[in-house]
Amino acid sequence: MNKLLESFLRSDHAGEVGAVYIYKGILTIAKDPELVEFSTRHLATEKEHLRKIEEVLSADKRSKLVGLWKIAGFLLGFLPALVSSKIVFATIEAVEAFVEEHYEDQLKYLRAQPNPDTSLIDLLQSCQDDEIEHKLESGHKKQLTPGFFLKIWIKIVGGGSAFAVKVAKVI
């Protein structure tokens, strides 16, 4: 495994850890049955993604900041859940839009290799497909037009996700 691919997978692992904890954060406080059902279902999917990434990335190659990704993910779920289900859905939509592009960059890289690793491509494609589904579902459920503060929050979420990926690729 080359260093670039290793860094991609390290960031994927960190992201899936964060995703699991987003849903754990939501479920800590959520009362809305629709949000609880959504979060429970998506938590199961993210746990499966994490399990699959852990099968291909050995423990010694993973981010050294897993504790930070757990805290960040938890807060990214918990804080919007304090406000409303609609804000949670908008947050998930923003995170998943970023993740969709993140996986797409990796898939383009892998497919361009002389001997592409088809099993890894299939894994990442499957994860990306699920994340797109999460994005579309949360976008449908949010049922609101972002106002000024929500637009700022969404920018913070996207920027924070991009920063986390950069850090996870290295540490």
N, C-alpha and C. Protein backbone atom coordinates (compact mmCIF):
# COMPACT_ATOMS: atom_id res chain seq x y z
N MET A 1 0.86 -1.18 0.00
CA MET A 1 0.00 0.00 0.00
C MET A 1 0.90 1.23 0.00
N ASN A 2 0.69 2.12 -0.98
CA ASN A 2 1.53 3.32 -1.02
C ASN A 2 1.06 4.35 0.03
N LYS A 3 1.90 5.32 0.27
CA LYS A 3 1.64 6.31 1.34
C LYS A 3 0.38 7.13 1.08
N LEU A 4 0.12 7.47 -0.19
CA LEU A 4 -1.07 8.26 -0.50
C LEU A 4 -2.33 7.45 -0.19
N LEU A 5 -2.36 6.21 -0.62
CA LEU A 5 -3.51 5.36 -0.35
C LEU A 5 -3.68 5.15 1.15
N GLU A 6 -2.58 4.96 1.84
CA GLU A 6 -2.62 4.82 3.29
C GLU A 6 -3.23 6.06 3.94
N SER A 7 -2.84 7.24 3.45
CA SER A 7 -3.39 8.48 4.02
C SER A 7 -4.89 8.61 3.72
N PHE A 8 -5.30 8.19 2.53
CA PHE A 8 -6.73 8.20 2.20
C PHE A 8 -7.49 7.32 3.19
N LEU A 9 -7.01 6.11 3.37
CA LEU A 9 -7.71 5.17 4.23
C LEU A 9 -7.67 5.60 5.70
N ARG A 10 -6.58 6.24 6.12
CA ARG A 10 -6.51 6.75 7.49
C ARG A 10 -7.58 7.82 7.69
N SER A 11 -7.76 8.69 6.69
CA SER A 11 -8.79 9.72 6.81
C SER A 11 -10.19 9.10 6.73
N ASP A 12 -10.35 8.04 5.93
CA ASP A 12 -11.65 7.35 5.87
C ASP A 12 -11.98 6.74 7.23
N HIS A 13 -10.99 6.12 7.84
CA HIS A 13 -11.20 5.51 9.15
C HIS A 13 -11.59 6.58 10.16
N ALA A 14 -10.86 7.68 10.19
CA ALA A 14 -11.18 8.78 11.10
C ALA A 14 -12.59 9.29 10.85
N GLY A 15 -12.94 9.42 9.58
CA GLY A 15 -14.27 9.91 9.23
C GLY A 15 -15.38 8.96 9.65
N GLU A 16 -15.14 7.68 9.50
CA GLU A 16 -16.16 6.71 9.91
C GLU A 16 -16.28 6.65 11.43
N VAL A 17 -15.16 6.81 12.14
CA VAL A 17 -15.23 6.92 13.60
C VAL A 17 -16.08 8.13 13.96
N GLY A 18 -15.78 9.28 13.34
CA GLY A 18 -16.56 10.49 13.59
C GLY A 18 -18.03 10.30 13.28
N ALA A 19 -18.34 9.62 12.18
CA ALA A 19 -19.74 9.40 11.79
C ALA A 19 -20.48 8.56 12.83
N VAL A 20 -19.83 7.50 13.31
CA VAL A 20 -20.45 6.68 14.36
C VAL A 20 -20.79 7.56 15.56
N TYR A 21 -19.87 8.43 15.93
CA TYR A 21 -20.09 9.27 17.11
C TYR A 21 -21.05 10.42 16.86
N ILE A 22 -21.20 10.85 15.63
CA ILE A 22 -22.26 11.84 15.32
C ILE A 22 -23.60 11.25 15.73
N TYR A 23 -23.84 10.03 15.28
CA TYR A 23 -25.14 9.40 15.57
C TYR A 23 -25.28 9.05 17.05
N LYS A 24 -24.19 8.69 17.70
CA LYS A 24 -24.25 8.46 19.15
C LYS A 24 -24.60 9.77 19.87
N GLY A 25 -24.04 10.88 19.41
CA GLY A 25 -24.35 12.18 20.00
C GLY A 25 -25.81 12.54 19.82
N ILE A 26 -26.33 12.31 18.63
CA ILE A 26 -27.74 12.59 18.37
C ILE A 26 -28.62 11.75 19.29
N LEU A 27 -28.32 10.45 19.34
CA LEU A 27 -29.17 9.52 20.09
C LEU A 27 -29.11 9.74 21.60
N THR A 28 -28.09 10.45 22.07
CA THR A 28 -27.99 10.77 23.50
C THR A 28 -29.12 11.69 23.94
N ILE A 29 -29.58 12.54 23.03
CA ILE A 29 -30.54 13.57 23.42
C ILE A 29 -31.82 13.59 22.60
N ALA A 30 -31.84 12.97 21.44
CA ALA A 30 -32.99 13.05 20.53
C ALA A 30 -34.24 12.44 21.15
N LYS A 31 -35.34 13.13 20.95
CA LYS A 31 -36.65 12.65 21.41
C LYS A 31 -37.60 12.41 20.22
N ASP A 32 -37.38 13.13 19.14
CA ASP A 32 -38.21 13.02 17.94
C ASP A 32 -38.09 11.59 17.38
N PRO A 33 -39.21 10.86 17.32
CA PRO A 33 -39.16 9.46 16.85
C PRO A 33 -38.56 9.32 15.44
N GLU A 34 -38.85 10.27 14.56
CA GLU A 34 -38.30 10.22 13.20
C GLU A 34 -36.78 10.35 13.24
N LEU A 35 -36.28 11.25 14.06
CA LEU A 35 -34.84 11.46 14.18
C LEU A 35 -34.18 10.25 14.84
N VAL A 36 -34.81 9.68 15.85
CA VAL A 36 -34.26 8.50 16.52
C VAL A 36 -34.17 7.33 15.54
N GLU A 37 -35.22 7.11 14.76
CA GLU A 37 -35.22 6.02 13.78
C GLU A 37 -34.15 6.25 12.73
N PHE A 38 -34.07 7.45 12.19
CA PHE A 38 -33.07 7.83 11.19
C PHE A 38 -31.66 7.60 11.74
N SER A 39 -31.41 8.08 12.94
CA SER A 39 -30.08 7.99 13.54
C SER A 39 -29.70 6.56 13.89
N THR A 40 -30.63 5.79 14.37
CA THR A 40 -30.37 4.38 14.70
C THR A 40 -30.00 3.60 13.44
N ARG A 41 -30.75 3.82 12.39
CA ARG A 41 -30.50 3.14 11.11
C ARG A 41 -29.15 3.55 10.52
N HIS A 42 -28.87 4.84 10.53
CA HIS A 42 -27.62 5.33 9.95
C HIS A 42 -26.41 4.97 10.82
N LEU A 43 -26.61 4.90 12.12
CA LEU A 43 -25.53 4.45 13.01
C LEU A 43 -25.10 3.03 12.62
N ALA A 44 -26.06 2.16 12.36
CA ALA A 44 -25.73 0.79 11.97
C ALA A 44 -24.92 0.77 10.67
N THR A 45 -25.29 1.61 9.72
CA THR A 45 -24.55 1.69 8.45
C THR A 45 -23.13 2.18 8.68
N GLU A 46 -22.98 3.22 9.49
CA GLU A 46 -21.64 3.78 9.74
C GLU A 46 -20.76 2.80 10.52
N LYS A 47 -21.35 2.04 11.43
CA LYS A 47 -20.58 1.02 12.14
C LYS A 47 -20.07 -0.04 11.16
N GLU A 48 -20.89 -0.38 10.19
CA GLU A 48 -20.48 -1.37 9.18
C GLU A 48 -19.37 -0.80 8.31
N HIS A 49 -19.47 0.47 7.92
CA HIS A 49 -18.39 1.11 7.15
C HIS A 49 -17.10 1.05 7.95
N LEU A 50 -17.18 1.40 9.23
CA LEU A 50 -15.99 1.41 10.09
C LEU A 50 -15.39 0.01 10.17
N ARG A 51 -16.22 -0.99 10.34
CA ARG A 51 -15.73 -2.37 10.41
C ARG A 51 -14.99 -2.75 9.13
N LYS A 52 -15.55 -2.39 7.99
CA LYS A 52 -14.94 -2.74 6.71
C LYS A 52 -13.62 -2.00 6.49
N ILE A 53 -13.56 -0.72 6.86
CA ILE A 53 -12.32 0.04 6.73
C ILE A 53 -11.25 -0.55 7.65
N GLU A 54 -11.66 -0.97 8.84
CA GLU A 54 -10.71 -1.57 9.78
C GLU A 54 -10.17 -2.91 9.27
N GLU A 55 -10.90 -3.57 8.38
CA GLU A 55 -10.42 -4.81 7.79
C GLU A 55 -9.26 -4.57 6.81
N VAL A 56 -9.24 -3.39 6.20
CA VAL A 56 -8.19 -3.12 5.20
C VAL A 56 -7.09 -2.19 5.71
N LEU A 57 -7.29 -1.55 6.83
CA LEU A 57 -6.29 -0.64 7.38
C LEU A 57 -5.89 -1.11 8.77
N SER A 58 -4.68 -1.59 8.90
CA SER A 58 -4.23 -2.13 10.18
C SER A 58 -4.21 -1.03 11.26
N ALA A 59 -4.32 -1.46 12.49
CA ALA A 59 -4.42 -0.53 13.62
C ALA A 59 -3.24 0.43 13.68
N ASP A 60 -2.05 -0.02 13.32
CA ASP A 60 -0.88 0.84 13.39
C ASP A 60 -0.86 1.93 12.31
N LYS A 61 -1.72 1.82 11.31
CA LYS A 61 -1.79 2.82 10.23
C LYS A 61 -2.92 3.83 10.44
N ARG A 62 -3.71 3.64 11.46
CA ARG A 62 -4.86 4.52 11.71
C ARG A 62 -4.43 5.82 12.37
N SER A 63 -5.33 6.80 12.32
CA SER A 63 -5.05 8.09 12.93
C SER A 63 -4.75 7.93 14.41
N LYS A 64 -3.79 8.69 14.88
CA LYS A 64 -3.44 8.69 16.30
C LYS A 64 -4.39 9.57 17.11
N LEU A 65 -5.31 10.22 16.42
CA LEU A 65 -6.23 11.17 17.06
C LEU A 65 -7.66 10.64 17.14
N VAL A 66 -7.81 9.32 17.23
CA VAL A 66 -9.15 8.72 17.25
C VAL A 66 -10.01 9.31 18.36
N GLY A 67 -9.42 9.56 19.52
CA GLY A 67 -10.19 10.17 20.61
C GLY A 67 -10.77 11.52 20.23
N LEU A 68 -9.99 12.32 19.53
CA LEU A 68 -10.46 13.63 19.07
C LEU A 68 -11.61 13.47 18.07
N TRP A 69 -11.49 12.48 17.16
CA TRP A 69 -12.55 12.28 16.16
C TRP A 69 -13.85 11.82 16.83
N LYS A 70 -13.72 11.07 17.92
CA LYS A 70 -14.91 10.65 18.66
C LYS A 70 -15.60 11.85 19.30
N ILE A 71 -14.81 12.71 19.94
CA ILE A 71 -15.37 13.90 20.59
C ILE A 71 -15.99 14.84 19.57
N ALA A 72 -15.26 15.10 18.49
CA ALA A 72 -15.77 16.01 17.44
C ALA A 72 -17.05 15.46 16.83
N GLY A 73 -17.06 14.17 16.54
CA GLY A 73 -18.27 13.57 15.98
C GLY A 73 -19.44 13.66 16.94
N PHE A 74 -19.19 13.31 18.19
CA PHE A 74 -20.26 13.37 19.20
C PHE A 74 -20.85 14.77 19.28
N LEU A 75 -20.00 15.77 19.36
CA LEU A 75 -20.49 17.16 19.45
C LEU A 75 -21.23 17.58 18.18
N LEU A 76 -20.77 17.09 17.03
CA LEU A 76 -21.41 17.44 15.76
C LEU A 76 -22.82 16.84 15.67
N GLY A 77 -23.07 15.78 16.40
CA GLY A 77 -24.42 15.24 16.48
C GLY A 77 -25.23 15.83 17.63
N PHE A 78 -24.60 15.93 18.78
CA PHE A 78 -25.28 16.37 19.99
C PHE A 78 -25.74 17.83 19.91
N LEU A 79 -24.84 18.73 19.50
CA LEU A 79 -25.18 20.16 19.52
C LEU A 79 -26.37 20.50 18.62
N PRO A 80 -26.41 20.06 17.36
CA PRO A 80 -27.60 20.35 16.55
C PRO A 80 -28.87 19.70 17.11
N ALA A 81 -28.70 18.52 17.75
CA ALA A 81 -29.88 17.84 18.33
C ALA A 81 -30.46 18.64 19.49
N LEU A 82 -29.65 19.49 20.12
CA LEU A 82 -30.15 20.38 21.17
C LEU A 82 -31.12 21.41 20.59
N VAL A 83 -30.91 21.76 19.32
CA VAL A 83 -31.70 22.81 18.69
C VAL A 83 -32.96 22.25 18.04
N SER A 84 -32.78 21.36 17.05
CA SER A 84 -33.96 20.78 16.39
C SER A 84 -33.54 19.66 15.44
N SER A 85 -34.51 18.82 15.14
CA SER A 85 -34.26 17.73 14.19
C SER A 85 -33.89 18.29 12.83
N LYS A 86 -34.51 19.38 12.44
CA LYS A 86 -34.22 19.97 11.13
C LYS A 86 -32.76 20.41 11.03
N ILE A 87 -32.22 20.94 12.11
CA ILE A 87 -30.81 21.35 12.11
C ILE A 87 -29.91 20.11 12.03
N VAL A 88 -30.31 19.05 12.70
CA VAL A 88 -29.55 17.79 12.60
C VAL A 88 -29.54 17.32 11.14
N PHE A 89 -30.69 17.30 10.51
CA PHE A 89 -30.76 16.83 9.13
C PHE A 89 -29.92 17.72 8.20
N ALA A 90 -29.94 19.03 8.43
CA ALA A 90 -29.12 19.95 7.63
C ALA A 90 -27.63 19.68 7.86
N THR A 91 -27.27 19.37 9.10
CA THR A 91 -25.87 19.06 9.44
C THR A 91 -25.43 17.78 8.74
N ILE A 92 -26.25 16.76 8.81
CA ILE A 92 -25.93 15.48 8.16
C ILE A 92 -25.80 15.68 6.65
N GLU A 93 -26.70 16.45 6.08
CA GLU A 93 -26.63 16.72 4.65
C GLU A 93 -25.30 17.38 4.28
N ALA A 94 -24.87 18.34 5.08
CA ALA A 94 -23.60 19.04 4.82
C ALA A 94 -22.40 18.11 4.96
N VAL A 95 -22.40 17.30 6.01
CA VAL A 95 -21.30 16.35 6.22
C VAL A 95 -21.24 15.37 5.05
N GLU A 96 -22.38 14.82 4.69
CA GLU A 96 -22.39 13.80 3.63
C GLU A 96 -22.05 14.38 2.26
N ALA A 97 -22.38 15.63 2.02
CA ALA A 97 -21.97 16.26 0.76
C ALA A 97 -20.45 16.31 0.68
N PHE A 98 -19.81 16.64 1.79
CA PHE A 98 -18.35 16.65 1.83
C PHE A 98 -17.80 15.24 1.64
N VAL A 99 -18.37 14.27 2.35
CA VAL A 99 -17.88 12.89 2.31
C VAL A 99 -18.03 12.31 0.90
N GLU A 100 -19.11 12.64 0.23
CA GLU A 100 -19.31 12.17 -1.15
C GLU A 100 -18.13 12.59 -2.03
N GLU A 101 -17.75 13.84 -1.94
CA GLU A 101 -16.62 14.35 -2.74
C GLU A 101 -15.30 13.70 -2.31
N HIS A 102 -15.14 13.51 -1.01
CA HIS A 102 -13.93 12.90 -0.47
C HIS A 102 -13.74 11.49 -1.03
N TYR A 103 -14.81 10.70 -1.01
CA TYR A 103 -14.73 9.35 -1.57
C TYR A 103 -14.52 9.41 -3.09
N GLU A 104 -15.15 10.35 -3.75
CA GLU A 104 -15.00 10.45 -5.20
C GLU A 104 -13.55 10.70 -5.60
N ASP A 105 -12.85 11.56 -4.87
CA ASP A 105 -11.43 11.81 -5.14
C ASP A 105 -10.63 10.52 -5.05
N GLN A 106 -10.91 9.72 -4.04
CA GLN A 106 -10.19 8.46 -3.86
C GLN A 106 -10.52 7.47 -4.96
N LEU A 107 -11.78 7.39 -5.34
CA LEU A 107 -12.19 6.48 -6.39
C LEU A 107 -11.54 6.84 -7.72
N LYS A 108 -11.46 8.12 -8.03
CA LYS A 108 -10.79 8.55 -9.26
C LYS A 108 -9.32 8.14 -9.24
N TYR A 109 -8.67 8.34 -8.10
CA TYR A 109 -7.26 7.95 -7.97
C TYR A 109 -7.10 6.45 -8.17
N LEU A 110 -7.90 5.66 -7.48
CA LEU A 110 -7.78 4.20 -7.57
C LEU A 110 -8.07 3.68 -8.97
N ARG A 111 -9.06 4.23 -9.61
CA ARG A 111 -9.43 3.77 -10.96
C ARG A 111 -8.37 4.14 -12.00
N ALA A 112 -7.57 5.17 -11.71
CA ALA A 112 -6.53 5.62 -12.65
C ALA A 112 -5.23 4.81 -12.52
N GLN A 113 -5.16 3.93 -11.53
CA GLN A 113 -3.94 3.15 -11.32
C GLN A 113 -3.80 2.07 -12.40
N PRO A 114 -2.55 1.71 -12.73
CA PRO A 114 -2.33 0.68 -13.76
C PRO A 114 -3.01 -0.66 -13.44
N ASN A 115 -2.97 -1.06 -12.20
CA ASN A 115 -3.64 -2.29 -11.76
C ASN A 115 -4.57 -1.95 -10.60
N PRO A 116 -5.75 -1.43 -10.91
CA PRO A 116 -6.64 -0.96 -9.85
C PRO A 116 -7.05 -2.09 -8.91
N ASP A 117 -7.10 -1.77 -7.63
CA ASP A 117 -7.53 -2.71 -6.60
C ASP A 117 -9.06 -2.71 -6.60
N THR A 118 -9.64 -3.66 -7.32
CA THR A 118 -11.10 -3.65 -7.49
C THR A 118 -11.85 -3.89 -6.19
N SER A 119 -11.29 -4.67 -5.28
CA SER A 119 -12.00 -4.90 -4.02
C SER A 119 -12.06 -3.61 -3.18
N LEU A 120 -10.97 -2.84 -3.20
CA LEU A 120 -10.98 -1.56 -2.48
C LEU A 120 -11.89 -0.56 -3.17
N ILE A 121 -11.89 -0.55 -4.49
CA ILE A 121 -12.80 0.32 -5.23
C ILE A 121 -14.24 -0.03 -4.88
N ASP A 122 -14.55 -1.32 -4.86
CA ASP A 122 -15.92 -1.74 -4.51
C ASP A 122 -16.30 -1.30 -3.10
N LEU A 123 -15.36 -1.45 -2.17
CA LEU A 123 -15.63 -1.04 -0.78
C LEU A 123 -15.92 0.46 -0.71
N LEU A 124 -15.04 1.27 -1.29
CA LEU A 124 -15.22 2.72 -1.22
C LEU A 124 -16.45 3.17 -1.99
N GLN A 125 -16.75 2.50 -3.11
CA GLN A 125 -17.95 2.84 -3.88
C GLN A 125 -19.20 2.54 -3.07
N SER A 126 -19.18 1.41 -2.38
CA SER A 126 -20.31 1.04 -1.52
C SER A 126 -20.51 2.08 -0.40
N CYS A 127 -19.41 2.48 0.24
CA CYS A 127 -19.49 3.50 1.28
C CYS A 127 -20.02 4.81 0.70
N GLN A 128 -19.48 5.21 -0.45
CA GLN A 128 -19.93 6.45 -1.07
C GLN A 128 -21.43 6.38 -1.40
N ASP A 129 -21.87 5.26 -1.95
CA ASP A 129 -23.30 5.11 -2.28
C ASP A 129 -24.17 5.30 -1.05
N ASP A 130 -23.76 4.69 0.07
CA ASP A 130 -24.52 4.85 1.31
C ASP A 130 -24.53 6.30 1.77
N GLU A 131 -23.37 6.98 1.68
CA GLU A 131 -23.28 8.37 2.13
C GLU A 131 -24.15 9.28 1.25
N ILE A 132 -24.21 9.00 -0.04
CA ILE A 132 -25.08 9.78 -0.93
C ILE A 132 -26.53 9.58 -0.53
N GLU A 133 -26.89 8.34 -0.23
CA GLU A 133 -28.25 8.06 0.23
C GLU A 133 -28.56 8.82 1.52
N HIS A 134 -27.60 8.85 2.45
CA HIS A 134 -27.79 9.59 3.71
C HIS A 134 -27.98 11.08 3.43
N LYS A 135 -27.17 11.60 2.51
CA LYS A 135 -27.27 13.03 2.15
C LYS A 135 -28.65 13.35 1.58
N LEU A 136 -29.09 12.53 0.64
CA LEU A 136 -30.39 12.78 0.01
C LEU A 136 -31.54 12.65 1.00
N GLU A 137 -31.48 11.64 1.84
CA GLU A 137 -32.54 11.45 2.84
C GLU A 137 -32.58 12.61 3.83
N SER A 138 -31.41 13.01 4.33
CA SER A 138 -31.40 14.11 5.30
C SER A 138 -31.81 15.42 4.64
N GLY A 139 -31.42 15.61 3.39
CA GLY A 139 -31.85 16.82 2.67
C GLY A 139 -33.36 16.88 2.52
N HIS A 140 -33.96 15.74 2.26
CA HIS A 140 -35.42 15.68 2.15
C HIS A 140 -36.09 15.94 3.50
N LYS A 141 -35.51 15.39 4.56
CA LYS A 141 -36.12 15.49 5.89
C LYS A 141 -35.94 16.86 6.54
N LYS A 142 -34.91 17.61 6.14
CA LYS A 142 -34.66 18.88 6.84
C LYS A 142 -35.79 19.87 6.64
N GLN A 143 -36.44 19.86 5.50
CA GLN A 143 -37.61 20.67 5.22
C GLN A 143 -37.49 22.12 5.69
N LEU A 144 -36.37 22.73 5.36
CA LEU A 144 -36.23 24.14 5.67
C LEU A 144 -35.23 24.77 4.72
N THR A 145 -35.42 26.06 4.50
CA THR A 145 -34.49 26.82 3.70
C THR A 145 -33.48 27.44 4.66
N PRO A 146 -32.20 27.21 4.43
CA PRO A 146 -31.20 27.73 5.38
C PRO A 146 -31.24 29.25 5.49
N GLY A 147 -31.34 29.73 6.71
CA GLY A 147 -31.22 31.16 6.98
C GLY A 147 -29.76 31.50 7.22
N PHE A 148 -29.51 32.70 7.66
CA PHE A 148 -28.16 33.21 7.85
C PHE A 148 -27.33 32.32 8.78
N PHE A 149 -27.86 32.01 9.96
CA PHE A 149 -27.09 31.24 10.94
C PHE A 149 -26.87 29.81 10.50
N LEU A 150 -27.87 29.21 9.86
CA LEU A 150 -27.70 27.85 9.37
C LEU A 150 -26.67 27.80 8.24
N LYS A 151 -26.66 28.81 7.41
CA LYS A 151 -25.64 28.86 6.34
C LYS A 151 -24.24 28.93 6.94
N ILE A 152 -24.08 29.70 7.99
CA ILE A 152 -22.78 29.79 8.68
C ILE A 152 -22.43 28.44 9.29
N TRP A 153 -23.40 27.82 9.96
CA TRP A 153 -23.17 26.51 10.58
C TRP A 153 -22.73 25.49 9.52
N ILE A 154 -23.41 25.48 8.38
CA ILE A 154 -23.08 24.53 7.31
C ILE A 154 -21.67 24.78 6.78
N LYS A 155 -21.26 26.03 6.68
CA LYS A 155 -19.88 26.34 6.27
C LYS A 155 -18.88 25.85 7.31
N ILE A 156 -19.20 26.02 8.57
CA ILE A 156 -18.34 25.54 9.65
C ILE A 156 -18.21 24.01 9.57
N VAL A 157 -19.32 23.35 9.36
CA VAL A 157 -19.32 21.88 9.26
C VAL A 157 -18.47 21.42 8.08
N GLY A 158 -18.66 22.03 6.93
CA GLY A 158 -17.88 21.66 5.74
C GLY A 158 -16.40 21.96 5.92
N GLY A 159 -16.10 23.14 6.45
CA GLY A 159 -14.70 23.51 6.70
C GLY A 159 -14.05 22.63 7.75
N GLY A 160 -14.80 22.31 8.78
CA GLY A 160 -14.28 21.43 9.83
C GLY A 160 -14.02 20.03 9.29
N SER A 161 -14.89 19.55 8.43
CA SER A 161 -14.71 18.23 7.82
C SER A 161 -13.45 18.22 6.96
N ALA A 162 -13.26 19.25 6.17
CA ALA A 162 -12.08 19.34 5.31
C ALA A 162 -10.80 19.41 6.14
N PHE A 163 -10.84 20.18 7.22
CA PHE A 163 -9.67 20.30 8.11
C PHE A 163 -9.37 18.95 8.76
N ALA A 164 -10.41 18.27 9.23
CA ALA A 164 -10.22 16.97 9.88
C ALA A 164 -9.59 15.96 8.93
N VAL A 165 -10.00 15.98 7.68
CA VAL A 165 -9.42 15.06 6.68
C VAL A 165 -7.94 15.37 6.50
N LYS A 166 -7.59 16.64 6.39
CA LYS A 166 -6.18 17.00 6.21
C LYS A 166 -5.34 16.53 7.39
N VAL A 167 -5.85 16.71 8.59
CA VAL A 167 -5.12 16.29 9.78
C VAL A 167 -5.03 14.77 9.85
N ALA A 168 -6.14 14.09 9.60
CA ALA A 168 -6.17 12.62 9.69
C ALA A 168 -5.26 11.97 8.67
N LYS A 169 -5.07 12.61 7.53
CA LYS A 169 -4.18 12.03 6.52
C LYS A 169 -2.74 11.98 7.01
N VAL A 170 -2.40 12.87 7.93
CA VAL A 170 -1.03 12.99 8.39
C VAL A 170 -0.82 12.34 9.77
N ILE A 171 -1.77 12.54 10.67
CA ILE A 171 -1.59 12.07 12.06
C ILE A 171 -2.58 10.94 12.37
